[in-house]
Every structure is written in C-alpha cells, then in structure tokens.
N, C-alpha and C. Protein backbone atom coordinates (compact mmCIF):
# COMPACT_ATOMS: atom_id res chain seq x y z
N UNK A 1 162.56 -53.00 226.56
CA UNK A 1 163.38 -52.71 227.95
C UNK A 1 163.89 -50.90 227.86
N UNK A 2 163.66 -50.57 226.27
CA UNK A 2 163.89 -49.10 225.73
C UNK A 2 162.42 -48.31 226.72
N UNK A 3 161.29 -48.99 226.78
CA UNK A 3 160.30 -48.20 227.16
C UNK A 3 160.40 -48.09 228.41
N UNK A 4 160.94 -48.29 229.20
CA UNK A 4 161.20 -48.22 230.56
C UNK A 4 162.58 -47.27 230.82
N UNK A 5 163.52 -47.07 229.77
CA UNK A 5 164.87 -46.10 230.39
C UNK A 5 164.40 -45.05 230.23
N UNK A 6 163.70 -44.21 230.85
CA UNK A 6 163.30 -43.22 231.29
C UNK A 6 163.43 -43.16 232.90
N UNK A 7 162.97 -44.26 233.52
CA UNK A 7 163.05 -44.14 234.48
C UNK A 7 164.17 -44.33 235.86
N UNK A 8 165.57 -44.32 234.45
CA UNK A 8 166.62 -43.82 235.40
C UNK A 8 166.93 -45.04 236.73
N UNK A 9 167.24 -46.51 236.32
CA UNK A 9 167.14 -47.20 237.38
C UNK A 9 168.87 -47.43 237.42
N UNK A 10 169.37 -46.58 238.84
CA UNK A 10 170.45 -46.42 238.79
C UNK A 10 170.69 -46.89 240.19
N UNK A 11 171.93 -46.71 240.66
CA UNK A 11 172.45 -47.56 241.97
C UNK A 11 171.84 -46.68 242.97
N UNK A 12 171.51 -45.34 243.30
CA UNK A 12 170.74 -44.60 244.26
C UNK A 12 169.52 -44.92 244.23
N UNK A 13 168.61 -45.04 243.06
CA UNK A 13 167.53 -45.66 242.20
C UNK A 13 166.89 -46.91 243.62
N UNK A 14 168.17 -47.77 243.24
CA UNK A 14 167.91 -48.91 243.88
C UNK A 14 168.07 -49.11 245.14
N UNK A 15 169.00 -48.36 246.10
CA UNK A 15 168.96 -47.90 247.19
C UNK A 15 167.39 -47.19 248.15
N UNK A 16 167.52 -46.30 247.30
CA UNK A 16 166.25 -45.91 247.94
C UNK A 16 165.18 -46.91 247.71
N UNK A 17 164.34 -47.82 246.93
CA UNK A 17 163.63 -48.65 246.80
C UNK A 17 163.98 -49.66 247.80
N UNK A 18 165.10 -49.75 248.29
CA UNK A 18 165.69 -51.27 248.84
C UNK A 18 165.33 -50.69 250.25
N UNK A 19 165.09 -49.55 250.63
CA UNK A 19 165.36 -48.74 251.83
C UNK A 19 164.29 -48.87 252.42
N UNK A 20 163.20 -48.38 251.16
CA UNK A 20 162.07 -48.09 251.33
C UNK A 20 161.01 -49.38 251.66
N UNK A 21 161.59 -50.12 251.27
CA UNK A 21 161.04 -51.80 251.31
C UNK A 21 161.49 -52.18 252.68
N UNK A 22 162.55 -51.95 253.04
CA UNK A 22 163.34 -52.39 254.29
C UNK A 22 162.45 -51.75 255.45
N UNK A 23 161.88 -50.47 255.36
CA UNK A 23 161.43 -49.88 256.43
C UNK A 23 159.82 -50.20 256.36
N UNK A 24 159.38 -50.66 255.31
CA UNK A 24 157.91 -51.27 255.23
C UNK A 24 157.65 -52.38 256.21
N UNK A 25 158.90 -52.89 255.66
CA UNK A 25 158.95 -54.39 256.30
C UNK A 25 159.02 -54.40 257.58
N UNK A 26 160.21 -53.37 258.51
CA UNK A 26 160.18 -53.14 259.81
C UNK A 26 159.07 -52.88 260.44
N UNK A 27 158.35 -51.63 259.36
CA UNK A 27 157.20 -51.03 260.41
C UNK A 27 156.10 -52.04 260.53
N UNK A 28 155.91 -52.90 259.68
CA UNK A 28 154.62 -53.99 259.21
C UNK A 28 155.32 -54.93 261.10
N UNK A 29 156.61 -55.53 260.92
CA UNK A 29 156.90 -56.04 262.35
C UNK A 29 156.39 -55.53 263.67
N UNK A 30 156.85 -54.30 263.37
CA UNK A 30 156.55 -53.09 264.69
C UNK A 30 155.16 -53.33 265.02
N UNK A 31 154.32 -53.21 263.76
CA UNK A 31 152.69 -53.25 264.02
C UNK A 31 152.53 -54.37 264.65
N UNK A 32 153.20 -55.62 264.39
CA UNK A 32 152.50 -56.54 265.10
C UNK A 32 153.01 -57.02 266.08
N UNK A 33 153.93 -56.74 266.68
CA UNK A 33 155.06 -57.07 267.89
C UNK A 33 155.01 -55.75 268.73
N UNK A 34 154.36 -54.64 268.50
CA UNK A 34 154.47 -53.32 269.23
C UNK A 34 153.33 -53.13 269.59
N UNK A 35 152.03 -52.78 269.48
CA UNK A 35 150.74 -52.35 268.76
C UNK A 35 150.78 -50.86 268.90
N UNK A 36 150.86 -50.22 268.36
CA UNK A 36 150.73 -48.90 268.64
C UNK A 36 149.71 -47.86 268.91
N UNK A 37 149.85 -46.93 269.79
CA UNK A 37 149.06 -46.26 270.03
C UNK A 37 149.11 -44.64 269.75
N UNK A 38 148.52 -44.17 269.52
CA UNK A 38 148.52 -42.75 268.66
C UNK A 38 149.29 -42.04 269.86
N UNK A 39 150.03 -41.08 268.98
CA UNK A 39 150.84 -40.23 269.96
C UNK A 39 150.75 -38.59 269.64
N UNK A 40 150.63 -37.44 270.39
CA UNK A 40 150.82 -36.01 270.25
C UNK A 40 151.94 -35.73 270.71
N UNK A 41 152.29 -35.19 269.26
CA UNK A 41 153.59 -34.39 269.24
C UNK A 41 153.71 -33.04 269.07
N UNK A 42 154.65 -32.29 268.73
CA UNK A 42 154.71 -30.73 268.72
C UNK A 42 153.45 -30.36 267.51
N UNK A 43 153.15 -31.18 266.51
CA UNK A 43 151.82 -30.75 265.82
C UNK A 43 150.61 -30.79 266.69
N UNK A 44 150.38 -31.24 267.69
CA UNK A 44 149.23 -30.91 268.62
C UNK A 44 148.55 -32.22 268.18
N UNK A 45 148.30 -32.53 267.05
CA UNK A 45 147.28 -33.83 266.33
C UNK A 45 147.98 -35.20 266.84
N UNK A 46 147.17 -36.45 266.92
CA UNK A 46 147.73 -37.69 266.90
C UNK A 46 147.95 -37.93 266.00
N UNK A 47 148.83 -38.93 265.72
CA UNK A 47 149.97 -39.28 264.44
C UNK A 47 150.08 -40.81 265.04
N UNK A 48 149.77 -41.59 264.12
CA UNK A 48 150.63 -43.16 264.23
C UNK A 48 152.24 -43.31 263.67
N UNK A 49 152.50 -44.03 263.85
CA UNK A 49 153.91 -44.54 262.99
C UNK A 49 153.85 -44.08 261.58
N UNK A 50 152.82 -44.91 260.48
CA UNK A 50 152.07 -44.76 259.37
C UNK A 50 152.32 -43.61 258.83
N UNK A 51 151.64 -42.35 259.86
CA UNK A 51 151.54 -41.17 259.73
C UNK A 51 152.56 -40.10 259.63
N UNK A 52 153.51 -40.35 260.42
CA UNK A 52 155.15 -40.30 260.53
C UNK A 52 155.85 -40.65 259.43
N UNK A 53 155.77 -42.12 258.55
CA UNK A 53 156.18 -42.30 257.69
C UNK A 53 156.03 -41.68 256.66
N UNK A 54 154.43 -41.25 256.66
CA UNK A 54 154.12 -40.67 255.19
C UNK A 54 154.77 -39.02 255.37
N UNK A 55 154.45 -38.39 256.44
CA UNK A 55 155.38 -37.06 256.27
C UNK A 55 156.44 -37.16 256.28
N UNK A 56 157.24 -38.16 256.76
CA UNK A 56 159.02 -37.87 256.11
C UNK A 56 158.99 -38.49 254.72
N UNK A 57 158.16 -39.03 253.93
CA UNK A 57 158.02 -39.05 252.90
C UNK A 57 158.29 -38.14 251.94
N UNK A 58 157.34 -37.51 252.02
CA UNK A 58 156.45 -36.15 251.60
C UNK A 58 157.83 -35.38 251.84
N UNK A 59 158.55 -35.04 252.93
CA UNK A 59 159.78 -33.94 253.02
C UNK A 59 160.72 -34.72 252.89
N UNK A 60 160.78 -35.79 252.30
CA UNK A 60 161.95 -36.43 251.80
C UNK A 60 162.07 -35.86 250.34
N UNK A 61 161.16 -36.15 249.21
CA UNK A 61 160.53 -35.91 248.19
C UNK A 61 160.71 -34.49 247.97
N UNK A 62 160.43 -33.41 249.28
CA UNK A 62 160.37 -32.15 248.85
C UNK A 62 162.01 -31.23 248.83
N UNK A 63 162.61 -31.89 249.67
CA UNK A 63 163.98 -32.04 250.04
C UNK A 63 164.92 -32.12 248.69
N UNK A 64 164.39 -33.40 248.09
CA UNK A 64 165.52 -33.80 247.02
C UNK A 64 165.36 -32.52 245.79
N UNK A 65 163.76 -32.60 245.50
CA UNK A 65 163.62 -31.68 244.33
C UNK A 65 164.00 -30.66 244.59
N UNK A 66 163.82 -29.74 245.24
CA UNK A 66 164.42 -28.29 245.75
C UNK A 66 166.14 -28.54 245.86
N UNK A 67 166.63 -29.74 246.29
CA UNK A 67 168.17 -30.05 246.20
C UNK A 67 168.46 -30.09 244.32
N UNK A 68 167.70 -31.10 243.84
CA UNK A 68 168.27 -30.79 242.44
C UNK A 68 167.91 -29.39 241.98
N UNK A 69 166.80 -28.85 242.39
CA UNK A 69 166.66 -27.38 241.95
C UNK A 69 167.88 -26.43 241.55
N UNK A 70 168.08 -26.10 243.48
CA UNK A 70 168.92 -25.29 243.84
C UNK A 70 170.29 -25.57 243.42
N UNK A 71 170.80 -27.09 244.26
CA UNK A 71 172.08 -27.23 243.97
C UNK A 71 172.28 -28.10 242.55
N UNK A 72 171.65 -29.14 242.25
CA UNK A 72 172.41 -29.78 240.61
C UNK A 72 172.36 -31.17 241.76
N UNK A 73 173.08 -31.68 240.87
CA UNK A 73 173.96 -33.59 240.92
C UNK A 73 174.82 -33.78 240.73
N UNK A 74 175.76 -32.56 240.64
CA UNK A 74 177.03 -32.44 240.19
C UNK A 74 178.15 -33.67 241.22
N UNK A 75 179.02 -33.83 240.51
CA UNK A 75 179.69 -34.76 241.21
C UNK A 75 180.76 -34.14 242.65
N UNK A 76 180.64 -34.82 243.61
CA UNK A 76 181.35 -33.98 244.58
C UNK A 76 183.01 -34.82 244.77
N UNK A 77 182.51 -36.28 244.69
CA UNK A 77 183.73 -37.36 244.88
C UNK A 77 183.89 -38.23 244.27
N UNK A 78 185.21 -39.26 243.88
CA UNK A 78 184.87 -40.29 243.31
C UNK A 78 185.51 -41.12 243.89
N UNK A 79 184.67 -42.29 244.38
CA UNK A 79 185.42 -43.54 244.98
C UNK A 79 186.81 -44.21 244.17
N UNK A 80 187.83 -44.79 244.37
CA UNK A 80 188.47 -45.70 243.85
C UNK A 80 188.26 -46.62 243.91
N UNK A 81 187.12 -47.23 243.09
CA UNK A 81 186.29 -48.30 242.88
C UNK A 81 186.53 -49.06 241.45
N UNK A 82 187.22 -49.93 240.99
CA UNK A 82 187.21 -50.16 239.62
C UNK A 82 187.77 -49.74 238.74
N UNK A 83 188.39 -49.33 237.45
CA UNK A 83 188.88 -49.07 236.57
C UNK A 83 188.70 -47.23 236.62
N UNK A 84 187.55 -47.21 236.54
CA UNK A 84 187.21 -45.59 236.35
C UNK A 84 187.02 -45.39 237.88
N UNK A 85 186.42 -45.88 238.58
CA UNK A 85 186.08 -44.99 240.20
C UNK A 85 184.79 -44.77 239.98
N UNK A 86 184.07 -44.68 241.09
CA UNK A 86 182.54 -44.32 241.39
C UNK A 86 182.22 -42.92 241.44
N UNK A 87 181.72 -42.08 240.75
CA UNK A 87 181.05 -40.86 241.49
C UNK A 87 180.12 -40.99 242.31
N UNK A 88 180.35 -39.94 243.09
CA UNK A 88 179.49 -39.81 244.18
C UNK A 88 178.69 -38.31 243.92
N UNK A 89 177.34 -38.52 244.06
CA UNK A 89 176.69 -37.26 243.78
C UNK A 89 176.79 -36.45 244.88
N UNK A 90 176.36 -35.21 244.17
CA UNK A 90 175.25 -34.27 245.69
C UNK A 90 174.46 -34.29 246.32
N UNK A 91 173.89 -34.98 245.46
CA UNK A 91 172.66 -35.66 245.95
C UNK A 91 172.77 -36.49 246.89
N UNK A 92 173.42 -37.33 247.77
CA UNK A 92 173.47 -37.87 248.82
C UNK A 92 173.73 -37.22 249.64
N UNK A 93 174.18 -36.05 249.82
CA UNK A 93 173.89 -34.92 250.69
C UNK A 93 172.58 -34.83 251.28
N UNK A 94 171.74 -34.38 250.24
CA UNK A 94 170.46 -34.35 250.55
C UNK A 94 169.65 -35.39 250.88
N UNK A 95 170.32 -36.62 250.65
CA UNK A 95 169.48 -37.90 251.14
C UNK A 95 170.16 -38.17 252.97
N UNK A 96 171.24 -37.51 253.26
CA UNK A 96 171.11 -37.18 254.32
C UNK A 96 170.45 -36.36 255.10
N UNK A 97 170.61 -35.31 254.74
CA UNK A 97 169.36 -33.99 255.31
C UNK A 97 167.90 -35.18 255.51
N UNK A 98 167.53 -35.75 254.38
CA UNK A 98 166.16 -36.26 254.82
C UNK A 98 166.27 -37.64 255.53
N UNK A 99 167.04 -38.40 255.56
CA UNK A 99 167.45 -39.25 256.86
C UNK A 99 167.50 -38.51 258.45
N UNK A 100 167.86 -37.21 258.40
CA UNK A 100 168.28 -36.80 259.68
C UNK A 100 166.81 -36.05 259.95
N UNK A 101 165.68 -35.46 259.34
CA UNK A 101 164.46 -34.93 259.14
C UNK A 101 163.33 -35.82 258.88
N UNK A 102 163.74 -37.52 258.59
CA UNK A 102 162.76 -38.29 259.04
C UNK A 102 162.94 -38.75 260.61
N UNK A 103 164.29 -38.74 261.13
CA UNK A 103 164.65 -38.86 262.60
C UNK A 103 163.86 -37.95 263.44
N UNK A 104 163.53 -36.93 263.03
CA UNK A 104 163.49 -35.85 263.71
C UNK A 104 161.98 -35.64 263.64
N UNK A 105 161.68 -36.11 262.63
CA UNK A 105 160.08 -36.30 262.50
C UNK A 105 159.41 -37.61 263.33
N UNK A 106 160.13 -38.75 263.32
CA UNK A 106 159.88 -39.76 264.12
C UNK A 106 160.01 -39.41 265.72
N UNK A 107 160.89 -38.62 265.93
CA UNK A 107 161.12 -38.14 267.31
C UNK A 107 160.01 -37.49 268.05
N UNK A 108 159.58 -36.50 267.19
CA UNK A 108 158.83 -35.12 267.67
C UNK A 108 157.72 -35.03 267.58
N UNK A 109 157.26 -35.64 266.07
CA UNK A 109 155.97 -35.41 265.64
C UNK A 109 155.05 -36.59 266.06
C-alpha cells in the first residue's frame, strides 16, 4: 500500500473518477441511443461528443493546475460533520468553474 501513497486518493479524487466514469457511461448510452452527427460550433470545425468531452477534460486540468498554482488549496469552510468536521478546500471552486466551462463547451463548440 505504501507504493501508491503518493497518489493522494482523497474524497475529491474519488468523486472526480466516479463523475468521469458516469460521464463516460452516459456518453456511451447516448452514442448507442442517439447516433451523433458532427456539429460545427464557434470553432468552425466539425466536432463530436467525444471531441467536446476531450476539450472539456483538458480545460478542467488546466483550470485546476492554474488554480493550485495561483490560489492554492486552503480550507474555505468546515462542514459540521463528525467529531472534527470536514474541511472544504478552495479547489472545489475550481471544480465549479470547470463544470461551467464544460457546459459552455458542450453547448457552443
């Protein structure tokens, strides 16, 4: 177990991978139920759902790396759960920004 200690398997990491898995499952179902046609958006190049997912994941990584570099991961709140409470990192704000950007990408690109 010590060999994977550096991977930081935390609750946010687990939620991220669970959300990613759900996204891929829903997109697979959408591809089977509603075959897609390429769409031309603001980039003026034809894109598919997979292209837009890839763009949103790359942008999410960039947003989080820039956030960590400029803002950090300080605690912004403590939820009154359990004996000591659960600390909420400012990185959750970057996640909300990333979700907004993903919606924008899927709607306009």
